[in-house]
Amino acid sequence: MENAILYSALAVVFFTFLVKRVLHTYPRLNLPPSGPYALPVLGHLHLLSAPIHQSLARISATYGPVLLLRFGARPVLLVSSPAAAEECFTKNDIAFANRPSMVAIKHLSYNYTNLGSAAYGPHWRNLRRFSTLEIFSSTRTAALSSLREGEVQDLVRQLFRSSKGAFQQVEMKSKFFELTANMIMQMLVGKRYCLKFYEDIKV
C-alpha cells in the first residue's frame, strides 16, 4: 500500500514535469534562453558554488549575456551585458521594480504595505516621498545630530569607565551594535535600546 502511494506520487510529479516541458506552460511569452539544463525541483541551483558571482559569470560566459535561470520555483534573469542591463533599468524599469510575492513576506510586512515589500505604485511612491522628506533629508539629519553625538559620547564614557585609565583589549562588535541600536531607537521613539544610563562625568 505504501509503495503504491509512493509510486503514484512519483508518477504525478513526473507527469507534471513532462507536461510543463513538452507543452510549455507560457507559449506566448518571449522569454530569453534558459541555457543549462534545469533539474525538476532544484532548477539551476545545482550549478552554483561559492563564490556565487563567479559561478554566475561562468554560466554567462558559456551560454550568453542574457539567461533565464530558475532557482527552485523562482525565475531569475541573469544579465551580464551592459546594453541589456541599461535596457532593464531604463526602458523596462517599471517591470523590474516589483518584488516577488511570498507568503512569509506578506505576513511580516502587513500585506506588502511597508517600503521594502510594497509593489511599485501610488502607495510605494507615497512611502518613498515620506521617507525622503522625514527620514533621509539633510534637514532631518541635521536636527538629529545631537542624538548621535550624545550616543557616541556615552560610548566613550563607558569605555573610559571600564578601562579605569589603563590600556585594555575591548570587544567592540557588541558596543557598535548597541550604539547603532540606540541611535535608531532614539530617532524613532525617543528611547534607548540599551537600558543602561550612564551619569555625566567630565572626562
N, C-alpha and C. Protein backbone atom coordinates (compact mmCIF):
# COMPACT_ATOMS: atom_id res chain seq x y z
N MET A 1 0.83 -1.20 0.00
CA MET A 1 0.00 0.00 0.00
C MET A 1 0.87 1.26 0.00
N GLU A 2 1.88 1.23 0.86
CA GLU A 2 2.77 2.39 0.92
C GLU A 2 3.55 2.57 -0.38
N ASN A 3 3.96 1.44 -0.98
CA ASN A 3 4.68 1.52 -2.25
C ASN A 3 3.79 2.07 -3.35
N ALA A 4 2.53 1.71 -3.33
CA ALA A 4 1.60 2.20 -4.35
C ALA A 4 1.41 3.71 -4.23
N ILE A 5 1.31 4.20 -3.00
CA ILE A 5 1.17 5.65 -2.80
C ILE A 5 2.43 6.37 -3.26
N LEU A 6 3.59 5.80 -2.94
CA LEU A 6 4.85 6.42 -3.34
C LEU A 6 4.98 6.47 -4.86
N TYR A 7 4.66 5.34 -5.51
CA TYR A 7 4.75 5.31 -6.97
C TYR A 7 3.74 6.26 -7.62
N SER A 8 2.58 6.38 -7.02
CA SER A 8 1.57 7.31 -7.56
C SER A 8 2.05 8.75 -7.45
N ALA A 9 2.64 9.09 -6.30
CA ALA A 9 3.14 10.46 -6.12
C ALA A 9 4.27 10.76 -7.10
N LEU A 10 5.18 9.79 -7.28
CA LEU A 10 6.26 9.99 -8.24
C LEU A 10 5.73 10.12 -9.66
N ALA A 11 4.70 9.36 -9.99
CA ALA A 11 4.12 9.44 -11.33
C ALA A 11 3.47 10.80 -11.56
N VAL A 12 2.80 11.34 -10.53
CA VAL A 12 2.18 12.66 -10.67
C VAL A 12 3.23 13.73 -10.87
N VAL A 13 4.32 13.67 -10.08
CA VAL A 13 5.40 14.66 -10.22
C VAL A 13 6.03 14.56 -11.59
N PHE A 14 6.32 13.34 -12.05
CA PHE A 14 6.93 13.17 -13.36
C PHE A 14 6.01 13.63 -14.47
N PHE A 15 4.72 13.33 -14.37
CA PHE A 15 3.78 13.74 -15.41
C PHE A 15 3.65 15.25 -15.45
N THR A 16 3.59 15.89 -14.29
CA THR A 16 3.51 17.35 -14.25
C THR A 16 4.73 17.98 -14.89
N PHE A 17 5.92 17.47 -14.54
CA PHE A 17 7.14 18.00 -15.12
C PHE A 17 7.18 17.78 -16.63
N LEU A 18 6.71 16.60 -17.08
CA LEU A 18 6.72 16.30 -18.51
C LEU A 18 5.78 17.22 -19.28
N VAL A 19 4.61 17.48 -18.71
CA VAL A 19 3.65 18.36 -19.37
C VAL A 19 4.20 19.78 -19.49
N LYS A 20 4.83 20.25 -18.42
CA LYS A 20 5.39 21.60 -18.45
C LYS A 20 6.53 21.73 -19.44
N ARG A 21 7.32 20.65 -19.59
CA ARG A 21 8.45 20.70 -20.50
C ARG A 21 8.02 20.56 -21.96
N VAL A 22 7.04 19.67 -22.20
CA VAL A 22 6.66 19.38 -23.58
C VAL A 22 5.69 20.41 -24.13
N LEU A 23 4.63 20.67 -23.37
CA LEU A 23 3.60 21.59 -23.85
C LEU A 23 3.98 23.05 -23.66
N HIS A 24 4.90 23.32 -22.76
CA HIS A 24 5.37 24.67 -22.46
C HIS A 24 4.23 25.52 -21.90
N THR A 25 4.34 25.83 -20.66
CA THR A 25 3.25 26.49 -19.95
C THR A 25 2.97 27.88 -20.48
N TYR A 26 4.00 28.62 -20.91
CA TYR A 26 3.81 30.00 -21.35
C TYR A 26 4.26 30.14 -22.80
N PRO A 27 3.46 29.69 -23.76
CA PRO A 27 3.91 29.72 -25.15
C PRO A 27 3.94 31.12 -25.75
N ARG A 28 3.23 32.06 -25.19
CA ARG A 28 3.13 33.39 -25.78
C ARG A 28 4.22 34.34 -25.30
N LEU A 29 4.90 34.00 -24.23
CA LEU A 29 5.91 34.89 -23.69
C LEU A 29 7.20 34.78 -24.48
N ASN A 30 7.80 35.91 -24.74
CA ASN A 30 9.08 35.95 -25.45
C ASN A 30 10.19 35.89 -24.42
N LEU A 31 10.45 34.70 -23.90
CA LEU A 31 11.41 34.52 -22.82
C LEU A 31 12.81 34.35 -23.37
N PRO A 32 13.82 34.80 -22.64
CA PRO A 32 15.21 34.57 -23.07
C PRO A 32 15.57 33.10 -22.91
N PRO A 33 16.65 32.66 -23.52
CA PRO A 33 17.04 31.24 -23.40
C PRO A 33 17.40 30.88 -21.97
N SER A 34 17.13 29.63 -21.62
CA SER A 34 17.41 29.17 -20.26
C SER A 34 18.80 28.59 -20.11
N GLY A 35 19.47 28.31 -21.22
CA GLY A 35 20.86 27.87 -21.13
C GLY A 35 21.01 26.46 -20.62
N PRO A 36 21.64 26.26 -19.46
CA PRO A 36 21.93 24.90 -18.98
C PRO A 36 20.66 24.16 -18.57
N TYR A 37 20.82 22.87 -18.38
CA TYR A 37 19.68 22.02 -18.03
C TYR A 37 19.26 22.29 -16.59
N ALA A 38 17.94 22.35 -16.37
CA ALA A 38 17.38 22.60 -15.05
C ALA A 38 16.81 21.31 -14.48
N LEU A 39 17.12 21.03 -13.22
CA LEU A 39 16.56 19.86 -12.55
C LEU A 39 15.10 20.11 -12.21
N PRO A 40 14.29 19.06 -12.04
CA PRO A 40 12.86 19.25 -11.82
C PRO A 40 12.51 20.11 -10.61
N VAL A 41 13.16 19.95 -9.50
CA VAL A 41 12.81 20.70 -8.28
C VAL A 41 13.81 21.81 -8.01
N LEU A 42 15.07 21.53 -8.15
CA LEU A 42 16.11 22.50 -7.82
C LEU A 42 16.30 23.56 -8.88
N GLY A 43 15.92 23.26 -10.10
CA GLY A 43 16.17 24.21 -11.17
C GLY A 43 17.65 24.25 -11.52
N HIS A 44 18.22 25.45 -11.49
CA HIS A 44 19.64 25.63 -11.80
C HIS A 44 20.51 25.79 -10.54
N LEU A 45 19.96 25.48 -9.39
CA LEU A 45 20.73 25.65 -8.16
C LEU A 45 21.93 24.71 -8.10
N HIS A 46 21.86 23.60 -8.81
CA HIS A 46 22.99 22.66 -8.76
C HIS A 46 24.22 23.20 -9.48
N LEU A 47 24.06 24.28 -10.24
CA LEU A 47 25.20 24.86 -10.96
C LEU A 47 25.95 25.90 -10.12
N LEU A 48 25.40 26.27 -8.98
CA LEU A 48 26.01 27.33 -8.18
C LEU A 48 26.96 26.75 -7.15
N SER A 49 28.04 27.46 -6.94
CA SER A 49 29.00 27.13 -5.90
C SER A 49 29.65 28.44 -5.44
N ALA A 50 30.26 28.38 -4.28
CA ALA A 50 30.87 29.58 -3.73
C ALA A 50 32.21 29.85 -4.42
N PRO A 51 32.49 31.11 -4.72
CA PRO A 51 31.61 32.28 -4.63
C PRO A 51 30.58 32.32 -5.76
N ILE A 52 29.37 32.77 -5.43
CA ILE A 52 28.25 32.68 -6.36
C ILE A 52 28.46 33.56 -7.59
N HIS A 53 29.06 34.75 -7.39
CA HIS A 53 29.21 35.64 -8.53
C HIS A 53 30.14 35.05 -9.60
N GLN A 54 31.12 34.25 -9.17
CA GLN A 54 31.98 33.60 -10.16
C GLN A 54 31.24 32.48 -10.89
N SER A 55 30.35 31.78 -10.18
CA SER A 55 29.55 30.75 -10.84
C SER A 55 28.63 31.38 -11.88
N LEU A 56 28.00 32.49 -11.53
CA LEU A 56 27.13 33.17 -12.49
C LEU A 56 27.93 33.70 -13.68
N ALA A 57 29.15 34.16 -13.42
CA ALA A 57 29.99 34.65 -14.52
C ALA A 57 30.36 33.52 -15.47
N ARG A 58 30.64 32.33 -14.94
CA ARG A 58 30.96 31.19 -15.79
C ARG A 58 29.74 30.76 -16.62
N ILE A 59 28.57 30.75 -16.00
CA ILE A 59 27.35 30.39 -16.74
C ILE A 59 27.09 31.39 -17.85
N SER A 60 27.25 32.67 -17.54
CA SER A 60 27.01 33.71 -18.54
C SER A 60 28.02 33.63 -19.67
N ALA A 61 29.27 33.35 -19.35
CA ALA A 61 30.29 33.24 -20.40
C ALA A 61 30.05 32.04 -21.31
N THR A 62 29.41 31.00 -20.78
CA THR A 62 29.18 29.79 -21.57
C THR A 62 27.92 29.88 -22.41
N TYR A 63 26.84 30.43 -21.85
CA TYR A 63 25.54 30.35 -22.50
C TYR A 63 25.02 31.69 -23.02
N GLY A 64 25.67 32.79 -22.70
CA GLY A 64 25.22 34.06 -23.26
C GLY A 64 25.01 35.12 -22.20
N PRO A 65 24.90 36.40 -22.62
CA PRO A 65 24.80 37.50 -21.66
C PRO A 65 23.44 37.64 -21.00
N VAL A 66 22.37 37.07 -21.59
CA VAL A 66 21.03 37.18 -21.01
C VAL A 66 20.45 35.77 -20.92
N LEU A 67 20.18 35.32 -19.70
CA LEU A 67 19.68 33.97 -19.47
C LEU A 67 18.54 34.01 -18.46
N LEU A 68 17.60 33.11 -18.64
CA LEU A 68 16.52 32.93 -17.68
C LEU A 68 16.79 31.66 -16.90
N LEU A 69 17.23 31.82 -15.65
CA LEU A 69 17.51 30.68 -14.78
C LEU A 69 16.34 30.47 -13.83
N ARG A 70 16.37 29.34 -13.17
CA ARG A 70 15.32 29.02 -12.20
C ARG A 70 15.97 28.51 -10.93
N PHE A 71 15.81 29.29 -9.85
CA PHE A 71 16.32 28.91 -8.54
C PHE A 71 15.16 28.34 -7.74
N GLY A 72 15.01 27.04 -7.75
CA GLY A 72 13.84 26.42 -7.15
C GLY A 72 12.61 26.73 -7.99
N ALA A 73 11.62 27.38 -7.38
CA ALA A 73 10.41 27.76 -8.09
C ALA A 73 10.46 29.20 -8.59
N ARG A 74 11.57 29.90 -8.37
CA ARG A 74 11.67 31.31 -8.70
C ARG A 74 12.45 31.51 -10.00
N PRO A 75 11.87 32.17 -10.98
CA PRO A 75 12.64 32.52 -12.19
C PRO A 75 13.58 33.68 -11.90
N VAL A 76 14.79 33.59 -12.40
CA VAL A 76 15.82 34.60 -12.17
C VAL A 76 16.42 34.99 -13.52
N LEU A 77 16.46 36.28 -13.80
CA LEU A 77 17.05 36.77 -15.04
C LEU A 77 18.50 37.14 -14.79
N LEU A 78 19.40 36.47 -15.48
CA LEU A 78 20.84 36.73 -15.36
C LEU A 78 21.26 37.63 -16.51
N VAL A 79 21.70 38.84 -16.19
CA VAL A 79 22.10 39.82 -17.20
C VAL A 79 23.54 40.21 -16.94
N SER A 80 24.41 40.01 -17.92
CA SER A 80 25.81 40.38 -17.79
C SER A 80 26.26 41.33 -18.89
N SER A 81 25.37 41.75 -19.76
CA SER A 81 25.71 42.67 -20.83
C SER A 81 25.36 44.10 -20.42
N PRO A 82 26.25 45.06 -20.59
CA PRO A 82 25.92 46.46 -20.23
C PRO A 82 24.72 46.99 -21.00
N ALA A 83 24.60 46.63 -22.28
CA ALA A 83 23.46 47.11 -23.06
C ALA A 83 22.16 46.53 -22.54
N ALA A 84 22.15 45.23 -22.20
CA ALA A 84 20.94 44.61 -21.67
C ALA A 84 20.59 45.16 -20.29
N ALA A 85 21.61 45.41 -19.47
CA ALA A 85 21.35 45.99 -18.14
C ALA A 85 20.78 47.39 -18.26
N GLU A 86 21.29 48.17 -19.21
CA GLU A 86 20.75 49.51 -19.42
C GLU A 86 19.30 49.45 -19.87
N GLU A 87 18.97 48.49 -20.71
CA GLU A 87 17.58 48.35 -21.16
C GLU A 87 16.67 47.94 -20.01
N CYS A 88 17.17 47.09 -19.11
CA CYS A 88 16.36 46.66 -17.96
C CYS A 88 16.06 47.81 -17.02
N PHE A 89 17.02 48.71 -16.84
CA PHE A 89 16.86 49.77 -15.85
C PHE A 89 16.42 51.10 -16.45
N THR A 90 16.18 51.16 -17.74
CA THR A 90 15.69 52.39 -18.36
C THR A 90 14.35 52.17 -19.04
N LYS A 91 14.33 51.35 -20.09
CA LYS A 91 13.08 51.13 -20.83
C LYS A 91 12.10 50.26 -20.06
N ASN A 92 12.60 49.28 -19.35
CA ASN A 92 11.73 48.33 -18.65
C ASN A 92 11.89 48.41 -17.14
N ASP A 93 12.18 49.60 -16.62
CA ASP A 93 12.43 49.72 -15.19
C ASP A 93 11.18 49.45 -14.35
N ILE A 94 10.00 49.80 -14.85
CA ILE A 94 8.77 49.56 -14.09
C ILE A 94 8.50 48.07 -13.97
N ALA A 95 8.79 47.32 -15.02
CA ALA A 95 8.56 45.87 -14.98
C ALA A 95 9.47 45.18 -13.97
N PHE A 96 10.67 45.74 -13.75
CA PHE A 96 11.61 45.14 -12.80
C PHE A 96 11.54 45.79 -11.42
N ALA A 97 10.62 46.71 -11.20
CA ALA A 97 10.56 47.44 -9.94
C ALA A 97 9.87 46.64 -8.83
N ASN A 98 8.98 45.72 -9.17
CA ASN A 98 8.22 44.98 -8.17
C ASN A 98 9.06 43.90 -7.51
N ARG A 99 8.64 43.54 -6.30
CA ARG A 99 9.30 42.47 -5.55
C ARG A 99 8.54 41.17 -5.74
N PRO A 100 9.19 40.04 -5.54
CA PRO A 100 8.46 38.75 -5.64
C PRO A 100 7.47 38.59 -4.50
N SER A 101 6.35 37.95 -4.77
CA SER A 101 5.31 37.72 -3.77
C SER A 101 5.58 36.41 -3.05
N MET A 102 5.75 36.49 -1.73
CA MET A 102 5.98 35.31 -0.91
C MET A 102 5.10 35.39 0.33
N VAL A 103 4.67 34.24 0.82
CA VAL A 103 3.74 34.20 1.95
C VAL A 103 4.40 34.78 3.20
N ALA A 104 5.67 34.44 3.45
CA ALA A 104 6.34 34.94 4.65
C ALA A 104 6.45 36.46 4.64
N ILE A 105 6.83 37.02 3.48
CA ILE A 105 6.94 38.48 3.39
C ILE A 105 5.58 39.14 3.53
N LYS A 106 4.54 38.49 3.01
CA LYS A 106 3.19 39.04 3.11
C LYS A 106 2.77 39.22 4.57
N HIS A 107 3.06 38.22 5.41
CA HIS A 107 2.65 38.30 6.82
C HIS A 107 3.58 39.21 7.63
N LEU A 108 4.87 39.19 7.31
CA LEU A 108 5.81 40.02 8.07
C LEU A 108 5.70 41.50 7.71
N SER A 109 5.24 41.81 6.52
CA SER A 109 5.17 43.21 6.08
C SER A 109 3.74 43.74 6.07
N TYR A 110 2.84 43.09 6.81
CA TYR A 110 1.44 43.55 6.90
C TYR A 110 0.82 43.69 5.51
N ASN A 111 0.84 42.58 4.79
CA ASN A 111 0.23 42.50 3.45
C ASN A 111 0.91 43.46 2.46
N TYR A 112 2.22 43.45 2.45
CA TYR A 112 3.03 44.22 1.50
C TYR A 112 2.76 45.72 1.60
N THR A 113 2.71 46.25 2.81
CA THR A 113 2.42 47.67 2.98
C THR A 113 3.62 48.50 3.39
N ASN A 114 4.77 47.90 3.71
CA ASN A 114 5.92 48.71 4.06
C ASN A 114 6.77 49.01 2.83
N LEU A 115 7.75 49.86 3.02
CA LEU A 115 8.54 50.36 1.89
C LEU A 115 9.34 49.26 1.21
N GLY A 116 9.84 48.32 1.97
CA GLY A 116 10.69 47.29 1.39
C GLY A 116 9.96 46.22 0.62
N SER A 117 8.65 46.07 0.82
CA SER A 117 7.91 45.00 0.15
C SER A 117 6.75 45.48 -0.69
N ALA A 118 6.41 46.76 -0.63
CA ALA A 118 5.25 47.26 -1.38
C ALA A 118 5.52 47.23 -2.88
N ALA A 119 4.48 46.94 -3.64
CA ALA A 119 4.60 46.94 -5.10
C ALA A 119 4.70 48.37 -5.62
N TYR A 120 5.35 48.51 -6.77
CA TYR A 120 5.50 49.83 -7.35
C TYR A 120 4.13 50.40 -7.71
N GLY A 121 3.85 51.59 -7.21
CA GLY A 121 2.56 52.22 -7.45
C GLY A 121 2.39 53.44 -6.57
N PRO A 122 1.18 53.96 -6.44
CA PRO A 122 0.95 55.18 -5.63
C PRO A 122 1.34 55.00 -4.17
N HIS A 123 1.03 53.85 -3.58
CA HIS A 123 1.37 53.63 -2.17
C HIS A 123 2.88 53.63 -1.96
N TRP A 124 3.61 52.95 -2.83
CA TRP A 124 5.06 52.92 -2.70
C TRP A 124 5.66 54.30 -2.92
N ARG A 125 5.13 55.06 -3.86
CA ARG A 125 5.65 56.41 -4.09
C ARG A 125 5.40 57.32 -2.90
N ASN A 126 4.24 57.18 -2.24
CA ASN A 126 3.97 57.96 -1.04
C ASN A 126 4.93 57.60 0.09
N LEU A 127 5.20 56.30 0.26
CA LEU A 127 6.16 55.88 1.28
C LEU A 127 7.56 56.42 0.98
N ARG A 128 7.96 56.38 -0.28
CA ARG A 128 9.28 56.89 -0.64
C ARG A 128 9.36 58.40 -0.41
N ARG A 129 8.30 59.12 -0.77
CA ARG A 129 8.29 60.57 -0.56
C ARG A 129 8.37 60.91 0.93
N PHE A 130 7.61 60.16 1.75
CA PHE A 130 7.65 60.40 3.19
C PHE A 130 9.03 60.10 3.76
N SER A 131 9.64 58.99 3.32
CA SER A 131 10.96 58.63 3.82
C SER A 131 12.01 59.66 3.41
N THR A 132 11.89 60.17 2.18
CA THR A 132 12.86 61.16 1.70
C THR A 132 12.77 62.46 2.48
N LEU A 133 11.55 62.88 2.79
CA LEU A 133 11.36 64.17 3.46
C LEU A 133 11.56 64.09 4.97
N GLU A 134 11.08 63.01 5.60
CA GLU A 134 11.05 62.94 7.05
C GLU A 134 12.18 62.14 7.68
N ILE A 135 12.88 61.33 6.89
CA ILE A 135 13.91 60.48 7.48
C ILE A 135 15.29 60.77 6.89
N PHE A 136 15.38 60.82 5.57
CA PHE A 136 16.69 60.90 4.93
C PHE A 136 17.04 62.30 4.42
N SER A 137 16.24 63.30 4.72
CA SER A 137 16.55 64.64 4.25
C SER A 137 17.70 65.24 5.06
N SER A 138 18.40 66.20 4.48
CA SER A 138 19.52 66.84 5.19
C SER A 138 19.04 67.60 6.41
N THR A 139 17.85 68.20 6.33
CA THR A 139 17.31 68.94 7.49
C THR A 139 17.05 68.01 8.65
N ARG A 140 16.44 66.85 8.36
CA ARG A 140 16.16 65.89 9.42
C ARG A 140 17.44 65.30 10.00
N THR A 141 18.41 65.05 9.16
CA THR A 141 19.68 64.51 9.62
C THR A 141 20.40 65.50 10.54
N ALA A 142 20.37 66.78 10.15
CA ALA A 142 20.99 67.80 11.00
C ALA A 142 20.25 67.97 12.31
N ALA A 143 18.92 67.85 12.30
CA ALA A 143 18.13 68.03 13.52
C ALA A 143 18.40 66.92 14.54
N LEU A 144 18.76 65.75 14.06
CA LEU A 144 19.01 64.62 14.95
C LEU A 144 20.50 64.39 15.23
N SER A 145 21.33 65.34 14.82
CA SER A 145 22.76 65.16 15.05
C SER A 145 23.12 65.14 16.53
N SER A 146 22.37 65.89 17.36
CA SER A 146 22.67 65.91 18.80
C SER A 146 22.45 64.54 19.43
N LEU A 147 21.46 63.78 18.93
CA LEU A 147 21.24 62.43 19.46
C LEU A 147 22.43 61.53 19.15
N ARG A 148 22.92 61.61 17.94
CA ARG A 148 24.06 60.77 17.57
C ARG A 148 25.31 61.15 18.36
N GLU A 149 25.52 62.44 18.52
CA GLU A 149 26.67 62.89 19.30
C GLU A 149 26.57 62.42 20.75
N GLY A 150 25.36 62.47 21.31
CA GLY A 150 25.18 62.02 22.69
C GLY A 150 25.44 60.53 22.85
N GLU A 151 25.01 59.72 21.89
CA GLU A 151 25.25 58.28 21.98
C GLU A 151 26.74 57.96 21.85
N VAL A 152 27.44 58.67 20.98
CA VAL A 152 28.88 58.45 20.84
C VAL A 152 29.60 58.85 22.13
N GLN A 153 29.20 59.95 22.72
CA GLN A 153 29.80 60.37 23.99
C GLN A 153 29.55 59.35 25.09
N ASP A 154 28.33 58.79 25.14
CA ASP A 154 28.04 57.76 26.14
C ASP A 154 28.92 56.52 25.93
N LEU A 155 29.16 56.16 24.68
CA LEU A 155 30.02 55.01 24.40
C LEU A 155 31.44 55.28 24.86
N VAL A 156 31.94 56.48 24.60
CA VAL A 156 33.30 56.82 25.03
C VAL A 156 33.41 56.81 26.54
N ARG A 157 32.39 57.35 27.23
CA ARG A 157 32.40 57.33 28.70
C ARG A 157 32.38 55.91 29.24
N GLN A 158 31.59 55.04 28.62
CA GLN A 158 31.52 53.66 29.06
C GLN A 158 32.87 52.97 28.89
N LEU A 159 33.52 53.21 27.77
CA LEU A 159 34.84 52.61 27.55
C LEU A 159 35.86 53.15 28.54
N PHE A 160 35.77 54.44 28.85
CA PHE A 160 36.72 55.03 29.81
C PHE A 160 36.52 54.44 31.21
N ARG A 161 35.25 54.26 31.62
CA ARG A 161 34.98 53.70 32.95
C ARG A 161 35.44 52.25 33.05
N SER A 162 35.19 51.46 32.00
CA SER A 162 35.56 50.05 32.05
C SER A 162 37.07 49.85 32.03
N SER A 163 37.79 50.76 31.38
CA SER A 163 39.25 50.62 31.31
C SER A 163 39.94 51.10 32.56
N LYS A 164 39.31 52.00 33.33
CA LYS A 164 39.88 52.57 34.56
C LYS A 164 41.23 53.24 34.29
N GLY A 165 41.33 53.88 33.15
CA GLY A 165 42.52 54.64 32.84
C GLY A 165 43.68 53.84 32.31
N ALA A 166 43.51 52.52 32.14
CA ALA A 166 44.60 51.67 31.67
C ALA A 166 44.24 51.13 30.28
N PHE A 167 45.27 50.75 29.53
CA PHE A 167 45.03 50.18 28.20
C PHE A 167 44.53 48.75 28.35
N GLN A 168 43.39 48.45 27.69
CA GLN A 168 42.80 47.13 27.74
C GLN A 168 42.26 46.75 26.37
N GLN A 169 42.18 45.45 26.15
CA GLN A 169 41.57 44.96 24.92
C GLN A 169 40.05 44.91 25.09
N VAL A 170 39.34 45.49 24.14
CA VAL A 170 37.88 45.62 24.24
C VAL A 170 37.24 45.00 23.00
N GLU A 171 36.17 44.23 23.20
CA GLU A 171 35.39 43.65 22.11
C GLU A 171 34.37 44.71 21.67
N MET A 172 34.59 45.27 20.47
CA MET A 172 33.82 46.43 20.02
C MET A 172 32.58 46.06 19.20
N LYS A 173 32.45 44.81 18.80
CA LYS A 173 31.31 44.45 17.96
C LYS A 173 29.99 44.70 18.66
N SER A 174 29.87 44.23 19.90
CA SER A 174 28.63 44.45 20.65
C SER A 174 28.45 45.92 21.00
N LYS A 175 29.56 46.63 21.22
CA LYS A 175 29.46 48.06 21.54
C LYS A 175 28.90 48.84 20.36
N PHE A 176 29.40 48.54 19.17
CA PHE A 176 28.89 49.23 17.99
C PHE A 176 27.44 48.86 17.69
N PHE A 177 27.06 47.61 17.99
CA PHE A 177 25.66 47.21 17.83
C PHE A 177 24.76 48.02 18.75
N GLU A 178 25.15 48.16 20.03
CA GLU A 178 24.38 48.94 20.96
C GLU A 178 24.33 50.42 20.54
N LEU A 179 25.45 50.92 20.04
CA LEU A 179 25.48 52.31 19.60
C LEU A 179 24.51 52.54 18.45
N THR A 180 24.54 51.66 17.45
CA THR A 180 23.64 51.81 16.32
C THR A 180 22.18 51.63 16.73
N ALA A 181 21.90 50.62 17.56
CA ALA A 181 20.52 50.39 18.00
C ALA A 181 20.00 51.56 18.82
N ASN A 182 20.84 52.11 19.69
CA ASN A 182 20.40 53.26 20.48
C ASN A 182 20.12 54.48 19.61
N MET A 183 20.94 54.70 18.60
CA MET A 183 20.70 55.83 17.69
C MET A 183 19.37 55.66 16.96
N ILE A 184 19.13 54.46 16.45
CA ILE A 184 17.89 54.23 15.69
C ILE A 184 16.67 54.38 16.59
N MET A 185 16.72 53.81 17.80
CA MET A 185 15.58 53.90 18.70
C MET A 185 15.35 55.32 19.19
N GLN A 186 16.42 56.07 19.41
CA GLN A 186 16.27 57.47 19.81
C GLN A 186 15.59 58.28 18.71
N MET A 187 15.96 58.01 17.46
CA MET A 187 15.37 58.74 16.35
C MET A 187 13.91 58.36 16.12
N LEU A 188 13.58 57.09 16.37
CA LEU A 188 12.23 56.62 16.07
C LEU A 188 11.25 56.89 17.19
N VAL A 189 11.59 56.50 18.42
CA VAL A 189 10.62 56.57 19.53
C VAL A 189 11.11 57.41 20.70
N GLY A 190 12.34 57.95 20.61
CA GLY A 190 12.83 58.80 21.70
C GLY A 190 13.32 58.03 22.90
N LYS A 191 13.50 56.70 22.81
CA LYS A 191 14.01 55.90 23.91
C LYS A 191 15.17 55.07 23.42
N ARG A 192 16.00 54.66 24.37
CA ARG A 192 17.18 53.90 24.02
C ARG A 192 16.87 52.42 23.96
N TYR A 193 17.64 51.74 23.12
CA TYR A 193 17.55 50.28 23.05
C TYR A 193 18.17 49.66 24.29
N CYS A 194 19.32 50.16 24.66
CA CYS A 194 20.03 49.65 25.83
C CYS A 194 19.56 50.42 27.06
N LEU A 195 19.15 49.73 28.11
CA LEU A 195 18.59 50.36 29.30
C LEU A 195 19.66 50.73 30.31
N LYS A 196 20.89 50.92 29.84
CA LYS A 196 21.98 51.32 30.73
C LYS A 196 22.18 52.83 30.58
N PHE A 197 21.86 53.55 31.58
CA PHE A 197 22.01 55.01 31.55
C PHE A 197 23.25 55.38 32.37
N TYR A 198 24.08 56.13 31.74
CA TYR A 198 25.36 56.49 32.38
C TYR A 198 25.30 57.94 32.85
N GLU A 199 25.85 58.15 33.99
CA GLU A 199 25.89 59.51 34.53
C GLU A 199 26.89 60.35 33.76
N ASP A 200 26.59 61.64 33.68
CA ASP A 200 27.51 62.56 33.03
C ASP A 200 28.72 62.78 33.92
N ILE A 201 29.87 62.55 33.35
CA ILE A 201 31.10 62.81 34.08
C ILE A 201 31.99 63.64 33.17
N LYS A 202 32.79 64.41 33.72
CA LYS A 202 33.73 65.23 32.97
C LYS A 202 35.01 64.44 32.76
N VAL A 203 35.25 64.15 31.49
CA VAL A 203 36.43 63.38 31.16
C VAL A 203 37.61 64.34 31.05
